[in-house]
Structures are given as structure tokens and as C-alpha cells.
Amino acid sequence: MLTAAGNAVDFKNDFVIDVKEYWELMGKHQKATHAKLLSTWEDMIPKFEGTMRVAMETALRREREKGPQTEDVDEEADAYREVMSEFGIKENAQPKKSGEIAKFISQSEEFQPMFRVCSKIMHSTALSIASSATRGSFDAVIPLLESTAACELLSTHGLIETHFQQMGVKPPSN
């Protein structure tokens, strides 16, 4: 992936685009789920009594008035938009999808099954359904996620170590 200067620039640009997109999506998620937060909070208040209940009601009222708090994530997204501009990256640029990168490095066959598994497991509707349907419904999934994460981390470390052993550390030529 980083064997040519052009690939390194693409990788850097994709990273910046990904981070900007991450912060944008965090803000969108906060806005999209705020009503559910308020509703859940309101449903829990009757479980409290006395000063704790008053405190919960006061905090809920304040939360309703403030609305979704996205200032911090919006500032982060703005900062990465600025970096994109400095790098000459278009505002609407999209990073390469993981499947494209896997094909590029001729490892699609290895990565494609786990891409699909993670897509199914990590989709918010799947998590919502599984967590509300059956107690312990994630028990079978946790070992898969743990072993996959450990394998990916060790594999990535090994690939990076091998790259630097073979290529060394070379400062940019420009």
C-alpha cells in the first residue's frame, strides 16, 4: 500500500477524509438519537424518589432545552474540512472502501468474509434487535470479535514491522 509515493498520498488523504466523516457522523448520530435519549430518560424518572427524582427531572428539563450537544464534534469535523482544503481534497471526496483496498493489495478473498460478518454484527439495527430480544444474545459473538480483533492487531503489527525492516524509514524526497 505504501510502496509508492502516490499510494502514500492516497492513504493520507483517505485517512483525513475518514476522520472528517467520522466526526460528521458522530454529530448526525447525536441529533438522530437525542429524542430517544430524552424518552428513555423520562421513562426512568418514575423509578427514582425524593431529591434524586427532582434532580433527574431538572437534568431532563435542561437536556431538552439544550438539545443535542454537537459543538465539539462539529468543531472537529470543521478542523478536518480545513485540513482537506489545505491538502487540496474536495469537500465531497469519499475515501476508498475497505473492499477496494483489499482488492488493491490482493487480499480480498481473505478479508471479504469478515467484512460481511462485521457488517451484519455491527449494524445498529442488529445490535438494537439482539440486545432487546434475548438475554445473553451477544454471548456467541463476543469470542469471535475478540479473536478477530487480536488477530487483526497482530497481523497489522507484523505487516508494519516487516515493511520497515525491508524498506527502512525514508523521509519524503520533496
C-alpha atoms as a PDB file:
ATOM      1  CA  MET A   1       0.000   0.000   0.000  1.00  0.00           C
ATOM      2  CA  LEU A   2       2.755   2.438   0.914  1.00  0.00           C
ATOM      3  CA  THR A   3       5.307   1.211  -1.622  1.00  0.00           C
ATOM      4  CA  ALA A   4       4.838   4.214  -3.931  1.00  0.00           C
ATOM      5  CA  ALA A   5       4.631   7.913  -3.139  1.00  0.00           C
ATOM      6  CA  GLY A   6       1.231   8.173  -4.843  1.00  0.00           C
ATOM      7  CA  ASN A   7      -0.138   5.382  -2.688  1.00  0.00           C
ATOM      8  CA  ALA A   8       1.130   7.111   0.442  1.00  0.00           C
ATOM      9  CA  VAL A   9      -0.578  10.368  -0.574  1.00  0.00           C
ATOM     10  CA  ASP A  10      -3.827   8.494  -1.314  1.00  0.00           C
ATOM     11  CA  PHE A  11      -3.587   6.746   2.060  1.00  0.00           C
ATOM     12  CA  LYS A  12      -3.027  10.063   3.868  1.00  0.00           C
ATOM     13  CA  ASN A  13      -5.916  11.703   2.003  1.00  0.00           C
ATOM     14  CA  ASP A  14      -8.241   8.760   2.687  1.00  0.00           C
ATOM     15  CA  PHE A  15      -7.342   8.941   6.369  1.00  0.00           C
ATOM     16  CA  VAL A  16      -8.189  12.656   6.561  1.00  0.00           C
ATOM     17  CA  ILE A  17     -11.483  12.105   4.711  1.00  0.00           C
ATOM     18  CA  ASP A  18     -12.347   9.168   7.001  1.00  0.00           C
ATOM     19  CA  VAL A  19     -11.689  11.175  10.170  1.00  0.00           C
ATOM     20  CA  LYS A  20     -13.759  14.110   8.897  1.00  0.00           C
ATOM     21  CA  GLU A  21     -16.580  11.723   8.029  1.00  0.00           C
ATOM     22  CA  TYR A  22     -16.322  10.088  11.478  1.00  0.00           C
ATOM     23  CA  TRP A  23     -16.855  13.426  13.262  1.00  0.00           C
ATOM     24  CA  GLU A  24     -19.701  14.381  10.926  1.00  0.00           C
ATOM     25  CA  LEU A  25     -21.439  11.080  11.595  1.00  0.00           C
ATOM     26  CA  MET A  26     -20.970  11.452  15.357  1.00  0.00           C
ATOM     27  CA  GLY A  27     -22.872  14.745  15.193  1.00  0.00           C
ATOM     28  CA  LYS A  28     -25.589  13.278  12.982  1.00  0.00           C
ATOM     29  CA  HIS A  29     -25.934  10.325  15.342  1.00  0.00           C
ATOM     30  CA  GLN A  30     -26.288  12.596  18.377  1.00  0.00           C
ATOM     31  CA  LYS A  31     -29.000  14.593  16.608  1.00  0.00           C
ATOM     32  CA  ALA A  32     -30.792  11.466  15.369  1.00  0.00           C
ATOM     33  CA  THR A  33     -30.818   9.744  18.773  1.00  0.00           C
ATOM     34  CA  HIS A  34     -31.458  12.707  21.059  1.00  0.00           C
ATOM     35  CA  ALA A  35     -35.241  12.169  21.127  1.00  0.00           C
ATOM     36  CA  LYS A  36     -34.690   8.543  22.149  1.00  0.00           C
ATOM     37  CA  LEU A  37     -32.313   9.660  24.918  1.00  0.00           C
ATOM     38  CA  LEU A  38     -34.957  12.040  26.266  1.00  0.00           C
ATOM     39  CA  SER A  39     -37.675   9.403  26.043  1.00  0.00           C
ATOM     40  CA  THR A  40     -35.578   6.769  27.836  1.00  0.00           C
ATOM     41  CA  TRP A  41     -34.598   9.280  30.493  1.00  0.00           C
ATOM     42  CA  GLU A  42     -38.241  10.243  31.006  1.00  0.00           C
ATOM     43  CA  ASP A  43     -39.251   6.570  31.312  1.00  0.00           C
ATOM     44  CA  MET A  44     -36.660   6.045  34.061  1.00  0.00           C
ATOM     45  CA  ILE A  45     -37.636   9.002  36.250  1.00  0.00           C
ATOM     46  CA  PRO A  46     -40.562   7.212  37.965  1.00  0.00           C
ATOM     47  CA  LYS A  47     -38.049   4.697  39.370  1.00  0.00           C
ATOM     48  CA  PHE A  48     -36.497   7.452  41.488  1.00  0.00           C
ATOM     49  CA  GLU A  49     -37.848   9.138  44.606  1.00  0.00           C
ATOM     50  CA  GLY A  50     -37.264  12.305  46.564  1.00  0.00           C
ATOM     51  CA  THR A  51     -34.301  14.534  45.790  1.00  0.00           C
ATOM     52  CA  MET A  52     -32.917  12.086  43.229  1.00  0.00           C
ATOM     53  CA  ARG A  53     -36.152  12.253  41.256  1.00  0.00           C
ATOM     54  CA  VAL A  54     -36.149  16.055  41.408  1.00  0.00           C
ATOM     55  CA  ALA A  55     -32.520  16.078  40.220  1.00  0.00           C
ATOM     56  CA  MET A  56     -33.362  13.722  37.322  1.00  0.00           C
ATOM     57  CA  GLU A  57     -36.359  15.851  36.305  1.00  0.00           C
ATOM     58  CA  THR A  58     -34.277  19.034  36.454  1.00  0.00           C
ATOM     59  CA  ALA A  59     -31.499  17.468  34.406  1.00  0.00           C
ATOM     60  CA  LEU A  60     -34.006  16.174  31.833  1.00  0.00           C
ATOM     61  CA  ARG A  61     -35.582  19.604  31.507  1.00  0.00           C
ATOM     62  CA  ARG A  62     -32.129  21.137  30.995  1.00  0.00           C
ATOM     63  CA  GLU A  63     -31.252  18.483  28.397  1.00  0.00           C
ATOM     64  CA  ARG A  64     -34.470  19.202  26.495  1.00  0.00           C
ATOM     65  CA  GLU A  65     -33.687  22.915  26.460  1.00  0.00           C
ATOM     66  CA  LYS A  66     -30.083  22.425  25.299  1.00  0.00           C
ATOM     67  CA  GLY A  67     -30.874  19.851  22.637  1.00  0.00           C
ATOM     68  CA  PRO A  68     -28.208  17.633  21.074  1.00  0.00           C
ATOM     69  CA  GLN A  69     -24.736  18.808  22.072  1.00  0.00           C
ATOM     70  CA  THR A  70     -22.728  18.598  18.864  1.00  0.00           C
ATOM     71  CA  GLU A  71     -20.456  21.635  19.161  1.00  0.00           C
ATOM     72  CA  ASP A  72     -17.315  19.609  19.922  1.00  0.00           C
ATOM     73  CA  VAL A  73     -17.807  17.070  17.149  1.00  0.00           C
ATOM     74  CA  ASP A  74     -18.804  19.832  14.721  1.00  0.00           C
ATOM     75  CA  GLU A  75     -15.560  21.676  15.543  1.00  0.00           C
ATOM     76  CA  GLU A  76     -13.559  18.501  14.898  1.00  0.00           C
ATOM     77  CA  ALA A  77     -15.298  17.971  11.544  1.00  0.00           C
ATOM     78  CA  ASP A  78     -14.605  21.615  10.642  1.00  0.00           C
ATOM     79  CA  ALA A  79     -10.929  21.213  11.533  1.00  0.00           C
ATOM     80  CA  TYR A  80     -10.634  18.200   9.222  1.00  0.00           C
ATOM     81  CA  ARG A  81     -12.505  20.058   6.461  1.00  0.00           C
ATOM     82  CA  GLU A  82      -9.827  22.733   6.781  1.00  0.00           C
ATOM     83  CA  VAL A  83      -7.064  20.101   6.549  1.00  0.00           C
ATOM     84  CA  MET A  84      -8.789  18.664   3.476  1.00  0.00           C
ATOM     85  CA  SER A  85      -8.808  22.125   1.910  1.00  0.00           C
ATOM     86  CA  GLU A  86      -5.102  22.595   2.704  1.00  0.00           C
ATOM     87  CA  PHE A  87      -4.350  19.217   1.095  1.00  0.00           C
ATOM     88  CA  GLY A  88      -6.426  20.101  -1.982  1.00  0.00           C
ATOM     89  CA  ILE A  89      -9.037  17.424  -1.244  1.00  0.00           C
ATOM     90  CA  LYS A  90     -12.578  18.176  -2.436  1.00  0.00           C
ATOM     91  CA  GLU A  91     -15.199  18.630   0.311  1.00  0.00           C
ATOM     92  CA  ASN A  92     -17.354  15.793  -1.056  1.00  0.00           C
ATOM     93  CA  ALA A  93     -14.447  13.373  -1.605  1.00  0.00           C
ATOM     94  CA  GLN A  94     -15.071   9.815  -0.475  1.00  0.00           C
ATOM     95  CA  PRO A  95     -12.339   7.541   0.936  1.00  0.00           C
ATOM     96  CA  LYS A  96     -11.676   4.155  -0.596  1.00  0.00           C
ATOM     97  CA  LYS A  97     -13.909   1.455   0.822  1.00  0.00           C
ATOM     98  CA  SER A  98     -12.184  -1.332   2.708  1.00  0.00           C
ATOM     99  CA  GLY A  99     -13.158  -3.802  -0.024  1.00  0.00           C
ATOM    100  CA  GLU A 100     -11.393  -1.678  -2.650  1.00  0.00           C
ATOM    101  CA  ILE A 101      -8.262  -1.530  -0.530  1.00  0.00           C
ATOM    102  CA  ALA A 102      -8.340  -5.306  -0.006  1.00  0.00           C
ATOM    103  CA  LYS A 103      -8.587  -5.831  -3.788  1.00  0.00           C
ATOM    104  CA  PHE A 104      -5.756  -3.354  -4.365  1.00  0.00           C
ATOM    105  CA  ILE A 105      -3.440  -5.378  -2.113  1.00  0.00           C
ATOM    106  CA  SER A 106      -4.743  -8.705  -3.497  1.00  0.00           C
ATOM    107  CA  GLN A 107      -6.273  -9.791  -0.184  1.00  0.00           C
ATOM    108  CA  SER A 108      -9.974  -9.544  -0.985  1.00  0.00           C
ATOM    109  CA  GLU A 109     -10.508 -13.294  -0.553  1.00  0.00           C
ATOM    110  CA  GLU A 110      -9.069 -13.144   2.964  1.00  0.00           C
ATOM    111  CA  PHE A 111     -10.890 -10.011   4.128  1.00  0.00           C
ATOM    112  CA  GLN A 112     -14.283 -10.238   2.380  1.00  0.00           C
ATOM    113  CA  PRO A 113     -15.879 -12.815   4.738  1.00  0.00           C
ATOM    114  CA  MET A 114     -15.029 -10.795   7.853  1.00  0.00           C
ATOM    115  CA  PHE A 115     -16.191  -7.554   6.205  1.00  0.00           C
ATOM    116  CA  ARG A 116     -19.594  -9.199   5.772  1.00  0.00           C
ATOM    117  CA  VAL A 117     -19.653 -10.653   9.300  1.00  0.00           C
ATOM    118  CA  CYS A 118     -18.754  -7.293  10.841  1.00  0.00           C
ATOM    119  CA  SER A 119     -21.324  -5.559   8.675  1.00  0.00           C
ATOM    120  CA  LYS A 120     -24.019  -7.859   9.997  1.00  0.00           C
ATOM    121  CA  ILE A 121     -22.902  -7.776  13.626  1.00  0.00           C
ATOM    122  CA  MET A 122     -22.142  -4.089  13.944  1.00  0.00           C
ATOM    123  CA  HIS A 123     -25.141  -2.668  12.125  1.00  0.00           C
ATOM    124  CA  SER A 124     -27.057  -0.599  14.662  1.00  0.00           C
ATOM    125  CA  THR A 125     -30.369  -2.283  13.912  1.00  0.00           C
ATOM    126  CA  ALA A 126     -28.819  -5.707  14.514  1.00  0.00           C
ATOM    127  CA  LEU A 127     -27.374  -4.566  17.834  1.00  0.00           C
ATOM    128  CA  SER A 128     -30.657  -2.996  18.844  1.00  0.00           C
ATOM    129  CA  ILE A 129     -32.662  -6.101  17.963  1.00  0.00           C
ATOM    130  CA  ALA A 130     -30.203  -8.507  19.555  1.00  0.00           C
ATOM    131  CA  SER A 131     -29.864  -6.526  22.764  1.00  0.00           C
ATOM    132  CA  SER A 132     -33.600  -6.230  23.276  1.00  0.00           C
ATOM    133  CA  ALA A 133     -34.614  -9.704  22.114  1.00  0.00           C
ATOM    134  CA  THR A 134     -32.835 -12.225  24.297  1.00  0.00           C
ATOM    135  CA  ARG A 135     -30.706 -12.016  27.411  1.00  0.00           C
ATOM    136  CA  GLY A 136     -27.181 -13.125  26.545  1.00  0.00           C
ATOM    137  CA  SER A 137     -27.783 -12.817  22.804  1.00  0.00           C
ATOM    138  CA  PHE A 138     -24.259 -11.453  22.285  1.00  0.00           C
ATOM    139  CA  ASP A 139     -22.549 -14.301  24.159  1.00  0.00           C
ATOM    140  CA  ALA A 140     -21.763 -16.279  20.997  1.00  0.00           C
ATOM    141  CA  VAL A 141     -20.463 -13.222  19.152  1.00  0.00           C
ATOM    142  CA  ILE A 142     -18.016 -11.874  21.735  1.00  0.00           C
ATOM    143  CA  PRO A 143     -15.349 -14.617  21.305  1.00  0.00           C
ATOM    144  CA  LEU A 144     -15.433 -14.095  17.520  1.00  0.00           C
ATOM    145  CA  LEU A 145     -14.941 -10.359  17.895  1.00  0.00           C
ATOM    146  CA  GLU A 146     -12.177 -10.783  20.472  1.00  0.00           C
ATOM    147  CA  SER A 147     -10.201 -13.307  18.421  1.00  0.00           C
ATOM    148  CA  THR A 148     -10.684 -11.357  15.204  1.00  0.00           C
ATOM    149  CA  ALA A 149      -9.570  -8.107  16.803  1.00  0.00           C
ATOM    150  CA  ALA A 150      -6.488  -9.762  18.309  1.00  0.00           C
ATOM    151  CA  CYS A 151      -5.629 -11.446  15.003  1.00  0.00           C
ATOM    152  CA  GLU A 152      -6.027  -8.215  13.033  1.00  0.00           C
ATOM    153  CA  LEU A 153      -3.968  -6.223  15.503  1.00  0.00           C
ATOM    154  CA  LEU A 154      -1.122  -8.748  15.494  1.00  0.00           C
ATOM    155  CA  SER A 155      -1.271  -9.133  11.719  1.00  0.00           C
ATOM    156  CA  THR A 156      -1.177  -5.370  11.158  1.00  0.00           C
ATOM    157  CA  HIS A 157       1.719  -5.013  13.576  1.00  0.00           C
ATOM    158  CA  GLY A 158       3.581  -7.770  11.738  1.00  0.00           C
ATOM    159  CA  LEU A 159       2.979  -6.204   8.320  1.00  0.00           C
ATOM    160  CA  ILE A 160       4.157  -2.795   9.500  1.00  0.00           C
ATOM    161  CA  GLU A 161       7.226  -4.285  11.156  1.00  0.00           C
ATOM    162  CA  THR A 162       8.094  -6.257   8.002  1.00  0.00           C
ATOM    163  CA  HIS A 163       7.633  -3.169   5.831  1.00  0.00           C
ATOM    164  CA  PHE A 164      10.003  -1.090   7.932  1.00  0.00           C
ATOM    165  CA  GLN A 165      12.550  -3.917   8.129  1.00  0.00           C
ATOM    166  CA  GLN A 166      12.551  -4.182   4.335  1.00  0.00           C
ATOM    167  CA  MET A 167      12.163  -0.518   3.408  1.00  0.00           C
ATOM    168  CA  GLY A 168      13.608   1.308   6.391  1.00  0.00           C
ATOM    169  CA  VAL A 169      12.407   4.759   7.290  1.00  0.00           C
ATOM    170  CA  LYS A 170      12.785   7.149   4.368  1.00  0.00           C
ATOM    171  CA  PRO A 171      11.951  10.823   4.694  1.00  0.00           C
ATOM    172  CA  PRO A 172       9.990  12.341   1.791  1.00  0.00           C
ATOM    173  CA  SER A 173      12.173  13.341  -1.154  1.00  0.00           C
ATOM    174  CA  ASN A 174      10.428  16.683  -1.761  1.00  0.00           C
END
